[in-house]
């Protein structure tokens, strides 16, 4: 073999070392994320700290409750739960919501997502209704404004009308105790 067809030694070393350097860089990045202590399941919301989206949804017909109106958030802490009767995790979290509804320091409202009214009424009739207001979002457009990824999701709205916290996925007794209730306490303690 002639020396003209062989790559120079420094170039050959670079070809050998480049995959190793890329691997080490990626491994370092992954390790830093693992050791950061951040919950990888937590999905950040761009709306935290911003006013809740202007919302004026009609009430769930036949429920005798008002619809979901963001004007009603002012001056009180409000939990807004996004649910649907066809959502199995919504059914799982419902006992937690019923328990939370016993605490009269905050209001509980719902956004019923892409659900026929009769199904939503049956769902609440079978499991109990923890909500003081239920707005119906048949096309899911309002849920998009709220940044909803899927159901269920729960928002804490502060007395100032701003989104203080967002919980993605079903609430469990543990997540309600360890994550949601501390955020509610913080919102209750904040000036209105």
C-alpha atoms as a PDB file:
ATOM      1  CA  UNK A   1       0.000   0.000   0.000  1.00  0.00           C
ATOM      2  CA  UNK A   2       1.349   3.401  -0.883  1.00  0.00           C
ATOM      3  CA  UNK A   3       1.487   6.229   1.594  1.00  0.00           C
ATOM      4  CA  UNK A   4      -0.689   8.345  -0.755  1.00  0.00           C
ATOM      5  CA  UNK A   5      -3.846   6.228  -0.077  1.00  0.00           C
ATOM      6  CA  UNK A   6      -3.413   6.093   3.677  1.00  0.00           C
ATOM      7  CA  UNK A   7      -4.946   8.885   5.785  1.00  0.00           C
ATOM      8  CA  UNK A   8      -2.442  10.869   7.788  1.00  0.00           C
ATOM      9  CA  UNK A   9      -2.047   9.654  11.359  1.00  0.00           C
ATOM     10  CA  UNK A  10      -3.727  12.680  13.048  1.00  0.00           C
ATOM     11  CA  UNK A  11      -6.813  12.327  10.807  1.00  0.00           C
ATOM     12  CA  UNK A  12      -7.065   8.586  11.536  1.00  0.00           C
ATOM     13  CA  UNK A  13      -6.887   9.276  15.270  1.00  0.00           C
ATOM     14  CA  UNK A  14      -9.681  11.838  14.926  1.00  0.00           C
ATOM     15  CA  UNK A  15     -11.928   9.279  13.203  1.00  0.00           C
ATOM     16  CA  UNK A  16     -11.253   6.814  16.009  1.00  0.00           C
ATOM     17  CA  UNK A  17     -11.696   9.353  18.832  1.00  0.00           C
ATOM     18  CA  UNK A  18     -14.723  11.251  17.436  1.00  0.00           C
ATOM     19  CA  UNK A  19     -17.343   8.577  18.261  1.00  0.00           C
ATOM     20  CA  UNK A  20     -15.823   8.190  21.728  1.00  0.00           C
ATOM     21  CA  UNK A  21     -15.945  11.971  22.316  1.00  0.00           C
ATOM     22  CA  UNK A  22     -19.573  12.163  21.140  1.00  0.00           C
ATOM     23  CA  UNK A  23     -20.495   9.249  23.412  1.00  0.00           C
ATOM     24  CA  UNK A  24     -18.776  10.825  26.417  1.00  0.00           C
ATOM     25  CA  UNK A  25     -20.498  14.166  25.764  1.00  0.00           C
ATOM     26  CA  UNK A  26     -23.948  12.562  25.568  1.00  0.00           C
ATOM     27  CA  UNK A  27     -23.268  10.406  28.625  1.00  0.00           C
ATOM     28  CA  UNK A  28     -22.278  13.527  30.576  1.00  0.00           C
ATOM     29  CA  UNK A  29     -25.448  15.323  29.489  1.00  0.00           C
ATOM     30  CA  UNK A  30     -27.676  12.392  30.491  1.00  0.00           C
ATOM     31  CA  UNK A  31     -25.866  12.003  33.807  1.00  0.00           C
ATOM     32  CA  UNK A  32     -26.300  15.701  34.634  1.00  0.00           C
ATOM     33  CA  UNK A  33     -30.054  15.403  33.950  1.00  0.00           C
ATOM     34  CA  UNK A  34     -30.333  12.293  36.113  1.00  0.00           C
ATOM     35  CA  UNK A  35     -28.493  13.914  39.004  1.00  0.00           C
ATOM     36  CA  UNK A  36     -30.327  17.259  38.730  1.00  0.00           C
ATOM     37  CA  UNK A  37     -33.136  16.062  41.027  1.00  0.00           C
ATOM     38  CA  UNK A  38     -35.740  17.287  38.542  1.00  0.00           C
ATOM     39  CA  UNK A  39     -38.842  15.101  38.125  1.00  0.00           C
ATOM     40  CA  UNK A  40     -38.598  13.777  34.567  1.00  0.00           C
ATOM     41  CA  UNK A  41     -42.352  13.105  34.527  1.00  0.00           C
ATOM     42  CA  UNK A  42     -43.124  16.761  35.214  1.00  0.00           C
ATOM     43  CA  UNK A  43     -44.160  18.688  32.131  1.00  0.00           C
ATOM     44  CA  UNK A  44     -43.450  22.396  32.491  1.00  0.00           C
ATOM     45  CA  UNK A  45     -46.198  24.880  31.683  1.00  0.00           C
ATOM     46  CA  UNK A  46     -45.458  28.159  29.969  1.00  0.00           C
ATOM     47  CA  UNK A  47     -48.565  29.603  31.646  1.00  0.00           C
ATOM     48  CA  UNK A  48     -47.335  29.389  35.260  1.00  0.00           C
ATOM     49  CA  UNK A  49     -47.349  32.908  36.677  1.00  0.00           C
ATOM     50  CA  UNK A  50     -49.548  34.275  33.888  1.00  0.00           C
ATOM     51  CA  UNK A  51     -53.242  35.180  34.122  1.00  0.00           C
ATOM     52  CA  UNK A  52     -55.553  32.244  33.506  1.00  0.00           C
ATOM     53  CA  UNK A  53     -56.763  32.325  29.898  1.00  0.00           C
ATOM     54  CA  UNK A  54     -59.949  34.295  29.349  1.00  0.00           C
ATOM     55  CA  UNK A  55     -62.592  31.623  29.608  1.00  0.00           C
ATOM     56  CA  UNK A  56     -66.367  31.751  29.447  1.00  0.00           C
ATOM     57  CA  UNK A  57     -67.649  28.224  28.854  1.00  0.00           C
ATOM     58  CA  UNK A  58     -71.330  27.337  29.009  1.00  0.00           C
ATOM     59  CA  UNK A  59     -72.518  25.207  31.923  1.00  0.00           C
ATOM     60  CA  UNK A  60     -73.025  21.465  31.729  1.00  0.00           C
ATOM     61  CA  UNK A  61     -76.692  21.292  30.803  1.00  0.00           C
ATOM     62  CA  UNK A  62     -78.840  19.678  33.430  1.00  0.00           C
ATOM     63  CA  UNK A  63     -76.272  20.220  36.210  1.00  0.00           C
ATOM     64  CA  UNK A  64     -77.794  23.366  37.797  1.00  0.00           C
ATOM     65  CA  UNK A  65     -74.251  24.744  38.127  1.00  0.00           C
ATOM     66  CA  UNK A  66     -72.696  27.767  36.437  1.00  0.00           C
ATOM     67  CA  UNK A  67     -70.273  27.387  33.562  1.00  0.00           C
ATOM     68  CA  UNK A  68     -66.549  28.092  33.790  1.00  0.00           C
ATOM     69  CA  UNK A  69     -65.852  31.836  33.720  1.00  0.00           C
ATOM     70  CA  UNK A  70     -62.349  33.130  34.432  1.00  0.00           C
ATOM     71  CA  UNK A  71     -63.831  36.350  35.878  1.00  0.00           C
ATOM     72  CA  UNK A  72     -64.889  34.272  38.888  1.00  0.00           C
ATOM     73  CA  UNK A  73     -61.274  33.443  39.806  1.00  0.00           C
ATOM     74  CA  UNK A  74     -60.515  36.915  41.200  1.00  0.00           C
ATOM     75  CA  UNK A  75     -60.094  37.129  44.954  1.00  0.00           C
ATOM     76  CA  UNK A  76     -60.117  33.407  45.721  1.00  0.00           C
ATOM     77  CA  UNK A  77     -58.004  30.328  45.103  1.00  0.00           C
ATOM     78  CA  UNK A  78     -59.614  28.036  42.552  1.00  0.00           C
ATOM     79  CA  UNK A  79     -58.773  24.500  41.498  1.00  0.00           C
ATOM     80  CA  UNK A  80     -59.650  23.864  37.847  1.00  0.00           C
ATOM     81  CA  UNK A  81     -59.797  20.202  36.882  1.00  0.00           C
ATOM     82  CA  UNK A  82     -59.918  19.112  33.237  1.00  0.00           C
ATOM     83  CA  UNK A  83     -61.855  15.845  32.950  1.00  0.00           C
ATOM     84  CA  UNK A  84     -63.901  13.663  30.614  1.00  0.00           C
ATOM     85  CA  UNK A  85     -66.184  10.696  31.247  1.00  0.00           C
ATOM     86  CA  UNK A  86     -64.281   8.597  28.699  1.00  0.00           C
ATOM     87  CA  UNK A  87     -60.997   9.145  30.586  1.00  0.00           C
ATOM     88  CA  UNK A  88     -60.092   6.132  32.782  1.00  0.00           C
ATOM     89  CA  UNK A  89     -57.497   8.077  34.852  1.00  0.00           C
ATOM     90  CA  UNK A  90     -60.205  10.713  35.536  1.00  0.00           C
ATOM     91  CA  UNK A  91     -62.282   7.999  37.150  1.00  0.00           C
ATOM     92  CA  UNK A  92     -59.244   6.911  39.226  1.00  0.00           C
ATOM     93  CA  UNK A  93     -58.543  10.418  40.527  1.00  0.00           C
ATOM     94  CA  UNK A  94     -62.175  11.261  41.276  1.00  0.00           C
ATOM     95  CA  UNK A  95     -62.138  10.110  44.946  1.00  0.00           C
ATOM     96  CA  UNK A  96     -59.181  12.474  45.508  1.00  0.00           C
ATOM     97  CA  UNK A  97     -61.181  15.356  44.025  1.00  0.00           C
ATOM     98  CA  UNK A  98     -64.150  14.494  46.233  1.00  0.00           C
ATOM     99  CA  UNK A  99     -61.842  14.614  49.256  1.00  0.00           C
ATOM    100  CA  UNK A 100     -60.399  17.971  48.191  1.00  0.00           C
ATOM    101  CA  UNK A 101     -63.904  19.385  47.766  1.00  0.00           C
ATOM    102  CA  UNK A 102     -64.383  19.106  51.547  1.00  0.00           C
ATOM    103  CA  UNK A 103     -61.851  21.923  52.030  1.00  0.00           C
ATOM    104  CA  UNK A 104     -63.916  25.123  51.750  1.00  0.00           C
ATOM    105  CA  UNK A 105     -60.873  27.444  51.641  1.00  0.00           C
ATOM    106  CA  UNK A 106     -60.776  27.182  47.846  1.00  0.00           C
ATOM    107  CA  UNK A 107     -63.270  26.750  45.036  1.00  0.00           C
ATOM    108  CA  UNK A 108     -63.341  23.775  42.672  1.00  0.00           C
ATOM    109  CA  UNK A 109     -64.315  24.160  39.036  1.00  0.00           C
ATOM    110  CA  UNK A 110     -64.136  21.855  36.047  1.00  0.00           C
ATOM    111  CA  UNK A 111     -63.534  22.008  32.343  1.00  0.00           C
ATOM    112  CA  UNK A 112     -65.395  19.103  30.758  1.00  0.00           C
ATOM    113  CA  UNK A 113     -63.289  18.148  27.736  1.00  0.00           C
ATOM    114  CA  UNK A 114     -64.792  16.807  24.476  1.00  0.00           C
ATOM    115  CA  UNK A 115     -67.585  14.996  26.249  1.00  0.00           C
ATOM    116  CA  UNK A 116     -71.296  14.579  25.416  1.00  0.00           C
ATOM    117  CA  UNK A 117     -73.310  16.260  28.216  1.00  0.00           C
ATOM    118  CA  UNK A 118     -75.263  13.107  29.064  1.00  0.00           C
ATOM    119  CA  UNK A 119     -72.020  11.168  29.573  1.00  0.00           C
ATOM    120  CA  UNK A 120     -70.550  13.874  31.811  1.00  0.00           C
ATOM    121  CA  UNK A 121     -73.762  14.007  33.884  1.00  0.00           C
ATOM    122  CA  UNK A 122     -73.767  10.202  34.234  1.00  0.00           C
ATOM    123  CA  UNK A 123     -70.083  10.238  35.268  1.00  0.00           C
ATOM    124  CA  UNK A 124     -70.729  12.831  37.993  1.00  0.00           C
ATOM    125  CA  UNK A 125     -74.009  11.165  39.000  1.00  0.00           C
ATOM    126  CA  UNK A 126     -72.276   7.813  39.487  1.00  0.00           C
ATOM    127  CA  UNK A 127     -69.127   9.102  41.216  1.00  0.00           C
ATOM    128  CA  UNK A 128     -70.299  12.319  42.908  1.00  0.00           C
ATOM    129  CA  UNK A 129     -69.795  15.949  41.965  1.00  0.00           C
ATOM    130  CA  UNK A 130     -66.962  17.828  43.698  1.00  0.00           C
ATOM    131  CA  UNK A 131     -67.325  20.936  41.501  1.00  0.00           C
ATOM    132  CA  UNK A 132     -69.034  24.273  42.090  1.00  0.00           C
ATOM    133  CA  UNK A 133     -68.879  25.203  38.390  1.00  0.00           C
ATOM    134  CA  UNK A 134     -68.545  23.080  35.246  1.00  0.00           C
ATOM    135  CA  UNK A 135     -67.773  24.523  31.833  1.00  0.00           C
ATOM    136  CA  UNK A 136     -68.249  22.435  28.707  1.00  0.00           C
ATOM    137  CA  UNK A 137     -65.540  22.463  25.999  1.00  0.00           C
ATOM    138  CA  UNK A 138     -67.001  20.185  23.282  1.00  0.00           C
ATOM    139  CA  UNK A 139     -64.360  20.958  20.637  1.00  0.00           C
ATOM    140  CA  UNK A 140     -61.377  21.232  23.000  1.00  0.00           C
ATOM    141  CA  UNK A 141     -60.492  24.767  21.874  1.00  0.00           C
ATOM    142  CA  UNK A 142     -60.457  26.244  25.367  1.00  0.00           C
ATOM    143  CA  UNK A 143     -58.279  23.378  26.606  1.00  0.00           C
ATOM    144  CA  UNK A 144     -55.729  24.383  23.956  1.00  0.00           C
ATOM    145  CA  UNK A 145     -55.728  27.938  25.363  1.00  0.00           C
ATOM    146  CA  UNK A 146     -54.991  26.458  28.793  1.00  0.00           C
ATOM    147  CA  UNK A 147     -52.086  24.391  27.405  1.00  0.00           C
ATOM    148  CA  UNK A 148     -53.758  21.082  28.202  1.00  0.00           C
ATOM    149  CA  UNK A 149     -51.761  18.057  27.019  1.00  0.00           C
ATOM    150  CA  UNK A 150     -54.477  15.541  27.874  1.00  0.00           C
ATOM    151  CA  UNK A 151     -56.932  14.655  30.578  1.00  0.00           C
ATOM    152  CA  UNK A 152     -56.861  14.765  33.496  1.00  0.00           C
ATOM    153  CA  UNK A 153     -55.001  17.932  34.390  1.00  0.00           C
ATOM    154  CA  UNK A 154     -55.482  20.175  37.397  1.00  0.00           C
ATOM    155  CA  UNK A 155     -54.610  23.856  37.752  1.00  0.00           C
ATOM    156  CA  UNK A 156     -54.285  25.999  40.867  1.00  0.00           C
ATOM    157  CA  UNK A 157     -55.413  29.564  40.179  1.00  0.00           C
ATOM    158  CA  UNK A 158     -54.293  32.135  42.734  1.00  0.00           C
ATOM    159  CA  UNK A 159     -56.394  34.936  44.189  1.00  0.00           C
ATOM    160  CA  UNK A 160     -54.763  37.237  41.638  1.00  0.00           C
ATOM    161  CA  UNK A 161     -56.260  35.153  38.787  1.00  0.00           C
ATOM    162  CA  UNK A 162     -52.866  33.774  37.744  1.00  0.00           C
ATOM    163  CA  UNK A 163     -51.984  30.125  37.224  1.00  0.00           C
ATOM    164  CA  UNK A 164     -49.877  29.132  40.214  1.00  0.00           C
ATOM    165  CA  UNK A 165     -49.452  25.413  39.511  1.00  0.00           C
ATOM    166  CA  UNK A 166     -50.332  22.721  36.985  1.00  0.00           C
ATOM    167  CA  UNK A 167     -50.561  18.996  37.694  1.00  0.00           C
ATOM    168  CA  UNK A 168     -50.514  16.747  34.630  1.00  0.00           C
ATOM    169  CA  UNK A 169     -52.106  13.324  34.992  1.00  0.00           C
ATOM    170  CA  UNK A 170     -54.353  11.805  37.616  1.00  0.00           C
ATOM    171  CA  UNK A 171     -54.136  13.024  41.178  1.00  0.00           C
ATOM    172  CA  UNK A 172     -53.338  10.340  43.726  1.00  0.00           C
ATOM    173  CA  UNK A 173     -53.592  10.744  47.488  1.00  0.00           C
ATOM    174  CA  UNK A 174     -49.786  11.086  47.545  1.00  0.00           C
ATOM    175  CA  UNK A 175     -49.546  13.668  44.734  1.00  0.00           C
ATOM    176  CA  UNK A 176     -52.411  15.657  46.271  1.00  0.00           C
ATOM    177  CA  UNK A 177     -50.683  15.638  49.676  1.00  0.00           C
ATOM    178  CA  UNK A 178     -47.086  16.166  48.502  1.00  0.00           C
ATOM    179  CA  UNK A 179     -47.520  18.411  45.442  1.00  0.00           C
ATOM    180  CA  UNK A 180     -50.982  19.917  45.072  1.00  0.00           C
ATOM    181  CA  UNK A 181     -51.836  20.862  48.673  1.00  0.00           C
ATOM    182  CA  UNK A 182     -48.517  22.695  49.268  1.00  0.00           C
ATOM    183  CA  UNK A 183     -49.212  24.738  46.125  1.00  0.00           C
ATOM    184  CA  UNK A 184     -52.743  25.480  47.327  1.00  0.00           C
ATOM    185  CA  UNK A 185     -51.385  26.558  50.738  1.00  0.00           C
ATOM    186  CA  UNK A 186     -48.884  28.838  49.009  1.00  0.00           C
ATOM    187  CA  UNK A 187     -51.650  30.378  46.871  1.00  0.00           C
ATOM    188  CA  UNK A 188     -53.870  30.847  49.933  1.00  0.00           C
ATOM    189  CA  UNK A 189     -51.054  32.635  51.781  1.00  0.00           C
ATOM    190  CA  UNK A 190     -50.227  34.950  48.859  1.00  0.00           C
ATOM    191  CA  UNK A 191     -51.750  38.406  48.758  1.00  0.00           C
ATOM    192  CA  UNK A 192     -54.806  38.734  46.523  1.00  0.00           C
END
